[in-house]
Amino acid sequence: MSSPEMPHILVIDDDPFNHVLLAEGLGDEFELLFAKHWREVVEIVGHSPRLDLVILDVDMPEVDGFEVCRRLKDTEFGRELPLIFMTGVDDVESQIKGFSLGAVDYIMRPFALPVVRARLRTHVTLRRQTQLLQQLALMDGLTGIANRRCFDQHYHREWRRALRTGCPLGLALIDADHFKLFNDRCGHGAGDDCLRRIAALGREATRRPGDLIARVGGEEFALLLPETEAAGVHCVVEKLREGIAARLQGQYCATDDGLRLPVTVSIGCGAIRPDRLDDPAEFLARIDRRLYRAKSGGRNRVVSDDGA
């Protein structure tokens, strides 16, 4: 049985003998998945999003290893995967070609398993360190949720997917009401705590794998809901608005004339089935205009249409 932390390595090779040799020699430390041709590669990768590394035989029937490498590097799932070629021929020109296609290493047959193990450990460690740095670069340091850069990447990726599939794409912009006044009266520590709590409630609203909550400004958040119609988006964000008002009801600031202003949020939202004539920036601007109407219309409300 494999550990959840065990590195997942895809071996693309048509020789069953190599499958057995690698499984017996490395299976105690690595979860090895085997594919004999490109069709199996696509199927395995589709069901194994946690791949850490690919080992690819140069000498493959039908489609050689170099062509498989090109195809992998042309896919979204394979572009960032470290790839190691294995070969039985110590050919400098082939190695140069492999490195030019994006390989990170070469393994020679017959295998020296202790050396193979050491190389795999090194590349898996580098892969995971790189992934950690990428995650940190896409994370908001205060709230622990996605930042603006991460939102922009996801938004445009989901927009392209919606174009291909014809599915709706839901979007909401969320802004904390009276937040500057709250910061001025209650202090930045209390303000930061409110933002963290809003982020946590937003995270609870994003239950599906493709959903995303991000902090995109000082007190502004974005909620991305792929494959969600406008009515569904409105339902999700209305529950979120109510939840924030209920869970943060003890947080408020006092105005100069003695009014107590509670922590609430205003939300603009909607959905679109984009076509080639639609512009993702314009749709985002449309949702922002709805947010402005929610703020100017009294705050603590959701606006999901463009009005008169």
Protein backbone atom coordinates (compact mmCIF):
# COMPACT_ATOMS: atom_id res chain seq x y z
CA MET A 1 0.00 0.00 0.00
CA SER A 2 1.39 3.41 -0.94
CA SER A 3 1.69 6.29 1.48
CA PRO A 4 -0.17 9.52 0.62
CA GLU A 5 3.24 11.23 0.68
CA MET A 6 4.93 8.63 -1.54
CA PRO A 7 6.14 10.28 -4.78
CA HIS A 8 4.12 9.29 -7.86
CA ILE A 9 6.23 8.49 -10.91
CA LEU A 10 4.93 7.62 -14.37
CA VAL A 11 7.12 5.19 -16.33
CA ILE A 12 6.47 5.23 -20.09
CA ASP A 13 8.07 2.12 -21.57
CA ASP A 14 6.81 -0.76 -23.71
CA ASP A 15 9.13 -3.39 -22.15
CA PRO A 16 7.40 -5.38 -19.33
CA PHE A 17 10.81 -6.53 -18.06
CA ASN A 18 11.74 -2.95 -17.19
CA HIS A 19 8.38 -2.51 -15.46
CA VAL A 20 9.09 -5.48 -13.19
CA LEU A 21 12.69 -4.44 -12.54
CA LEU A 22 11.77 -0.88 -11.55
CA ALA A 23 8.74 -1.94 -9.49
CA GLU A 24 10.76 -4.47 -7.50
CA GLY A 25 13.77 -2.20 -7.12
CA LEU A 26 12.03 1.11 -6.33
CA GLY A 27 8.46 0.29 -5.30
CA ASP A 28 9.23 0.58 -1.59
CA GLU A 29 9.87 4.33 -1.94
CA PHE A 30 8.00 5.42 -5.07
CA GLU A 31 4.47 4.79 -6.34
CA LEU A 32 5.18 3.72 -9.92
CA LEU A 33 2.55 3.94 -12.67
CA PHE A 34 3.25 2.27 -16.00
CA ALA A 35 2.18 3.14 -19.55
CA LYS A 36 3.17 1.36 -22.75
CA HIS A 37 1.99 3.97 -25.26
CA TRP A 38 0.62 7.51 -25.56
CA ARG A 39 -3.05 6.57 -25.15
CA GLU A 40 -2.30 5.03 -21.76
CA VAL A 41 -0.31 8.12 -20.79
CA VAL A 42 -3.33 10.37 -21.38
CA GLU A 43 -5.60 8.03 -19.41
CA ILE A 44 -3.22 7.68 -16.46
CA VAL A 45 -2.46 11.39 -16.19
CA GLY A 46 -6.18 12.16 -16.30
CA HIS A 47 -6.70 10.05 -13.18
CA SER A 48 -3.40 10.87 -11.41
CA PRO A 49 -3.10 14.64 -10.91
CA ARG A 50 -0.39 14.16 -8.26
CA LEU A 51 2.41 13.04 -10.58
CA ASP A 52 5.86 14.15 -9.45
CA LEU A 53 8.02 12.84 -12.28
CA VAL A 54 8.02 11.03 -15.63
CA ILE A 55 10.53 8.40 -16.78
CA LEU A 56 10.38 7.93 -20.55
CA ASP A 57 12.10 5.33 -22.73
CA VAL A 58 13.70 6.79 -25.84
CA ASP A 59 13.12 3.67 -27.96
CA MET A 60 9.35 3.26 -28.20
CA PRO A 61 7.31 1.59 -30.98
CA GLU A 62 4.80 3.60 -33.02
CA VAL A 63 5.71 6.93 -31.37
CA ASP A 64 9.30 7.34 -30.14
CA GLY A 65 10.20 8.84 -26.78
CA PHE A 66 11.14 12.21 -28.23
CA GLU A 67 7.71 12.61 -29.83
CA VAL A 68 5.99 11.52 -26.60
CA CYS A 69 8.07 14.16 -24.79
CA ARG A 70 6.95 16.84 -27.26
CA ARG A 71 3.32 15.86 -26.78
CA LEU A 72 3.65 15.91 -23.00
CA LYS A 73 5.29 19.32 -23.00
CA ASP A 74 2.48 20.67 -25.18
CA THR A 75 -0.13 19.77 -22.55
CA GLU A 76 -1.09 21.78 -19.50
CA PHE A 77 -0.57 18.79 -17.19
CA GLY A 78 2.83 17.85 -18.64
CA ARG A 79 4.40 21.24 -19.19
CA GLU A 80 5.85 21.52 -15.69
CA LEU A 81 6.49 17.81 -15.03
CA PRO A 82 10.19 16.87 -14.71
CA LEU A 83 11.00 14.25 -17.35
CA ILE A 84 13.88 11.77 -17.33
CA PHE A 85 14.79 9.81 -20.44
CA MET A 86 16.09 6.25 -20.15
CA THR A 87 18.08 4.57 -22.89
CA GLY A 88 20.43 1.69 -23.52
CA VAL A 89 22.59 3.67 -25.94
CA ASP A 90 25.15 6.17 -24.67
CA ASP A 91 24.63 8.58 -27.55
CA VAL A 92 25.64 12.20 -26.97
CA GLU A 93 23.50 13.58 -29.81
CA SER A 94 20.38 11.83 -28.48
CA GLN A 95 21.03 13.19 -25.00
CA ILE A 96 21.44 16.72 -26.33
CA LYS A 97 18.17 16.33 -28.25
CA GLY A 98 16.39 15.11 -25.11
CA PHE A 99 17.63 18.02 -23.01
CA SER A 100 16.59 20.47 -25.74
CA LEU A 101 13.06 19.03 -25.54
CA GLY A 102 12.88 19.67 -21.80
CA ALA A 103 14.32 16.56 -20.13
CA VAL A 104 16.04 17.08 -16.78
CA ASP A 105 18.17 13.91 -16.73
CA TYR A 106 19.11 10.65 -18.44
CA ILE A 107 19.16 7.11 -16.97
CA MET A 108 21.24 4.45 -18.68
CA ARG A 109 20.31 0.79 -19.04
CA PRO A 110 21.23 -1.64 -17.60
CA PHE A 111 20.01 0.10 -14.45
CA ALA A 112 22.23 0.80 -11.47
CA LEU A 113 19.24 0.92 -9.12
CA PRO A 114 20.96 2.74 -6.20
CA VAL A 115 21.97 5.52 -8.62
CA VAL A 116 18.48 5.63 -10.16
CA ARG A 117 16.96 5.87 -6.68
CA ALA A 118 19.28 8.74 -5.73
CA ARG A 119 18.49 10.64 -8.91
CA LEU A 120 14.75 10.21 -8.48
CA ARG A 121 14.97 11.45 -4.89
CA THR A 122 16.85 14.55 -6.02
CA HIS A 123 14.41 15.42 -8.80
CA VAL A 124 11.33 14.75 -6.66
CA THR A 125 12.74 17.01 -3.93
CA LEU A 126 13.41 19.78 -6.45
CA ARG A 127 9.92 19.34 -7.91
CA ARG A 128 8.23 19.67 -4.52
CA GLN A 129 10.34 22.64 -3.49
CA THR A 130 9.45 24.37 -6.76
CA GLN A 131 5.76 23.62 -6.22
CA LEU A 132 5.93 25.06 -2.70
CA LEU A 133 7.53 28.27 -3.97
CA GLN A 134 4.87 28.52 -6.69
CA GLN A 135 2.11 28.06 -4.13
CA LEU A 136 3.59 30.75 -1.88
CA ALA A 137 3.82 33.12 -4.85
CA LEU A 138 0.08 32.63 -5.47
CA MET A 139 -1.04 32.94 -1.85
CA ASP A 140 -2.17 36.01 0.07
CA GLY A 141 0.10 36.29 3.09
CA LEU A 142 -2.54 37.74 5.44
CA THR A 143 -5.50 35.44 4.79
CA GLY A 144 -3.89 32.28 3.41
CA ILE A 145 -6.20 32.20 0.39
CA ALA A 146 -5.34 32.86 -3.26
CA ASN A 147 -3.95 36.27 -4.21
CA ARG A 148 -4.64 38.49 -7.23
CA ARG A 149 -2.09 36.75 -9.42
CA CYS A 150 -3.63 33.37 -8.67
CA PHE A 151 -7.12 34.70 -9.38
CA ASP A 152 -6.05 36.16 -12.73
CA GLN A 153 -4.53 32.82 -13.77
CA HIS A 154 -7.59 30.81 -12.73
CA TYR A 155 -10.03 33.31 -14.22
CA HIS A 156 -8.46 33.23 -17.68
CA ARG A 157 -8.00 29.45 -17.55
CA GLU A 158 -11.66 28.92 -16.64
CA TRP A 159 -12.73 31.46 -19.26
CA ARG A 160 -10.91 29.45 -21.95
CA ARG A 161 -12.46 26.23 -20.66
CA ALA A 162 -15.95 27.78 -20.70
CA LEU A 163 -15.33 28.85 -24.30
CA ARG A 164 -14.45 25.27 -25.24
CA THR A 165 -17.26 23.54 -23.36
CA GLY A 166 -20.08 26.09 -23.56
CA CYS A 167 -20.53 25.87 -19.78
CA PRO A 168 -21.38 28.95 -17.69
CA LEU A 169 -18.76 30.73 -15.62
CA GLY A 170 -19.86 32.39 -12.39
CA LEU A 171 -18.06 35.33 -10.80
CA ALA A 172 -18.59 37.53 -7.75
CA LEU A 173 -16.70 40.51 -6.35
CA ILE A 174 -17.02 41.03 -2.60
CA ASP A 175 -16.08 44.17 -0.69
CA ALA A 176 -16.04 44.74 3.07
CA ASP A 177 -18.29 47.68 3.97
CA HIS A 178 -16.94 50.73 5.82
CA PHE A 179 -13.58 48.97 6.10
CA LYS A 180 -11.37 52.07 6.09
CA LEU A 181 -13.43 53.53 8.94
CA PHE A 182 -13.26 50.21 10.80
CA ASN A 183 -9.47 50.17 10.44
CA ASP A 184 -9.16 53.77 11.60
CA ARG A 185 -11.41 53.31 14.65
CA CYS A 186 -10.56 49.74 15.71
CA GLY A 187 -6.97 49.38 14.55
CA HIS A 188 -5.29 47.39 11.81
CA GLY A 189 -5.07 44.29 13.98
CA ALA A 190 -8.84 44.11 14.25
CA GLY A 191 -9.15 44.88 10.55
CA ASP A 192 -6.77 42.07 9.64
CA ASP A 193 -8.75 39.68 11.81
CA CYS A 194 -11.96 40.62 9.99
CA LEU A 195 -10.33 39.99 6.62
CA ARG A 196 -9.12 36.59 7.77
CA ARG A 197 -12.60 35.66 8.96
CA ILE A 198 -14.22 36.81 5.71
CA ALA A 199 -11.63 34.75 3.81
CA ALA A 200 -12.37 31.69 5.94
CA LEU A 201 -16.10 32.00 5.28
CA GLY A 202 -15.38 32.45 1.58
CA ARG A 203 -13.29 29.28 1.62
CA GLU A 204 -16.23 27.41 3.12
CA ALA A 205 -18.33 28.55 0.14
CA THR A 206 -15.85 27.08 -2.38
CA ARG A 207 -16.45 23.37 -1.95
CA ARG A 208 -15.83 22.11 -5.49
CA PRO A 209 -12.33 21.55 -6.93
CA GLY A 210 -12.64 24.34 -9.53
CA ASP A 211 -14.09 26.97 -7.17
CA LEU A 212 -11.76 29.72 -5.99
CA ILE A 213 -11.85 32.47 -3.37
CA ALA A 214 -9.12 35.10 -3.67
CA ARG A 215 -8.16 38.36 -2.04
CA VAL A 216 -7.73 40.75 -4.95
CA GLY A 217 -7.40 44.07 -3.13
CA GLY A 218 -7.17 45.58 0.34
CA GLU A 219 -10.67 44.60 1.45
CA GLU A 220 -11.90 43.12 -1.83
CA PHE A 221 -12.34 39.44 -2.64
CA ALA A 222 -13.24 37.55 -5.80
CA LEU A 223 -15.19 34.31 -5.95
CA LEU A 224 -14.92 32.17 -9.08
CA LEU A 225 -17.59 29.50 -9.62
CA PRO A 226 -17.11 27.50 -12.84
CA GLU A 227 -20.07 25.67 -14.35
CA THR A 228 -22.53 27.73 -12.31
CA GLU A 229 -25.52 29.62 -13.69
CA ALA A 230 -26.38 33.14 -12.50
CA ALA A 231 -29.09 31.89 -10.13
CA GLY A 232 -26.65 29.47 -8.53
CA VAL A 233 -24.01 32.18 -8.10
CA HIS A 234 -26.58 34.48 -6.48
CA CYS A 235 -27.62 31.71 -4.09
CA VAL A 236 -24.02 30.98 -3.05
CA VAL A 237 -23.07 34.61 -2.44
CA GLU A 238 -26.32 35.48 -0.68
CA LYS A 239 -25.62 32.68 1.80
CA LEU A 240 -22.08 33.99 2.15
CA ARG A 241 -23.30 37.55 2.78
CA GLU A 242 -25.73 36.30 5.42
CA GLY A 243 -23.04 34.15 7.01
CA ILE A 244 -20.60 37.04 7.26
CA ALA A 245 -23.24 39.31 8.80
CA ALA A 246 -24.13 36.61 11.35
CA ARG A 247 -20.64 35.42 12.23
CA LEU A 248 -19.13 38.91 12.48
CA GLN A 249 -22.08 40.59 14.18
CA GLY A 250 -19.96 41.40 17.23
CA GLN A 251 -17.54 43.39 15.09
CA TYR A 252 -18.49 47.01 14.54
CA CYS A 253 -17.14 50.55 14.64
CA ALA A 254 -18.72 53.75 15.88
CA THR A 255 -19.09 56.85 13.71
CA ASP A 256 -18.59 60.41 14.99
CA ASP A 257 -22.33 60.77 15.54
CA GLY A 258 -22.54 57.56 17.58
CA LEU A 259 -23.82 55.15 14.94
CA ARG A 260 -22.61 51.55 15.28
CA LEU A 261 -21.64 50.15 11.89
CA PRO A 262 -21.39 46.33 11.79
CA VAL A 263 -18.96 44.44 9.56
CA THR A 264 -20.87 43.44 6.43
CA VAL A 265 -20.07 42.91 2.76
CA SER A 266 -21.47 44.14 -0.53
CA ILE A 267 -21.39 41.80 -3.52
CA GLY A 268 -21.74 42.10 -7.27
CA CYS A 269 -22.15 38.82 -9.13
CA GLY A 270 -23.25 37.12 -12.32
CA ALA A 271 -22.50 34.38 -14.83
CA ILE A 272 -21.68 34.16 -18.52
CA ARG A 273 -21.45 31.57 -21.27
CA PRO A 274 -18.64 33.27 -23.17
CA ASP A 275 -18.27 33.22 -26.93
CA ARG A 276 -15.45 34.47 -29.13
CA LEU A 277 -16.83 38.02 -29.13
CA ASP A 278 -16.88 38.30 -25.33
CA ASP A 279 -14.03 39.89 -23.41
CA PRO A 280 -13.03 38.56 -19.97
CA ALA A 281 -11.93 42.04 -18.89
CA GLU A 282 -15.32 43.50 -19.82
CA PHE A 283 -17.19 40.78 -17.91
CA LEU A 284 -15.04 41.50 -14.86
CA ALA A 285 -15.78 45.22 -15.24
CA ARG A 286 -19.51 44.43 -15.46
CA ILE A 287 -19.38 42.55 -12.17
CA ASP A 288 -17.41 45.42 -10.64
CA ARG A 289 -20.15 47.85 -11.70
CA ARG A 290 -22.69 45.65 -9.94
CA LEU A 291 -20.52 45.73 -6.83
CA TYR A 292 -20.50 49.53 -7.03
CA ARG A 293 -24.31 49.53 -7.23
CA ALA A 294 -24.47 47.27 -4.17
CA LYS A 295 -22.24 49.72 -2.27
CA SER A 296 -24.05 52.84 -3.42
CA GLY A 297 -27.46 51.24 -2.88
CA GLY A 298 -27.00 50.86 0.86
CA ARG A 299 -24.34 48.14 1.32
CA ASN A 300 -24.80 44.69 2.87
CA ARG A 301 -26.54 43.44 -0.25
CA VAL A 302 -26.08 41.42 -3.45
CA VAL A 303 -26.59 42.88 -6.93
CA SER A 304 -26.76 40.33 -9.74
CA ASP A 305 -28.17 42.35 -12.64
CA ASP A 306 -27.23 45.49 -14.53
CA GLY A 307 -30.33 47.45 -13.52
CA ALA A 308 -32.03 50.11 -15.58
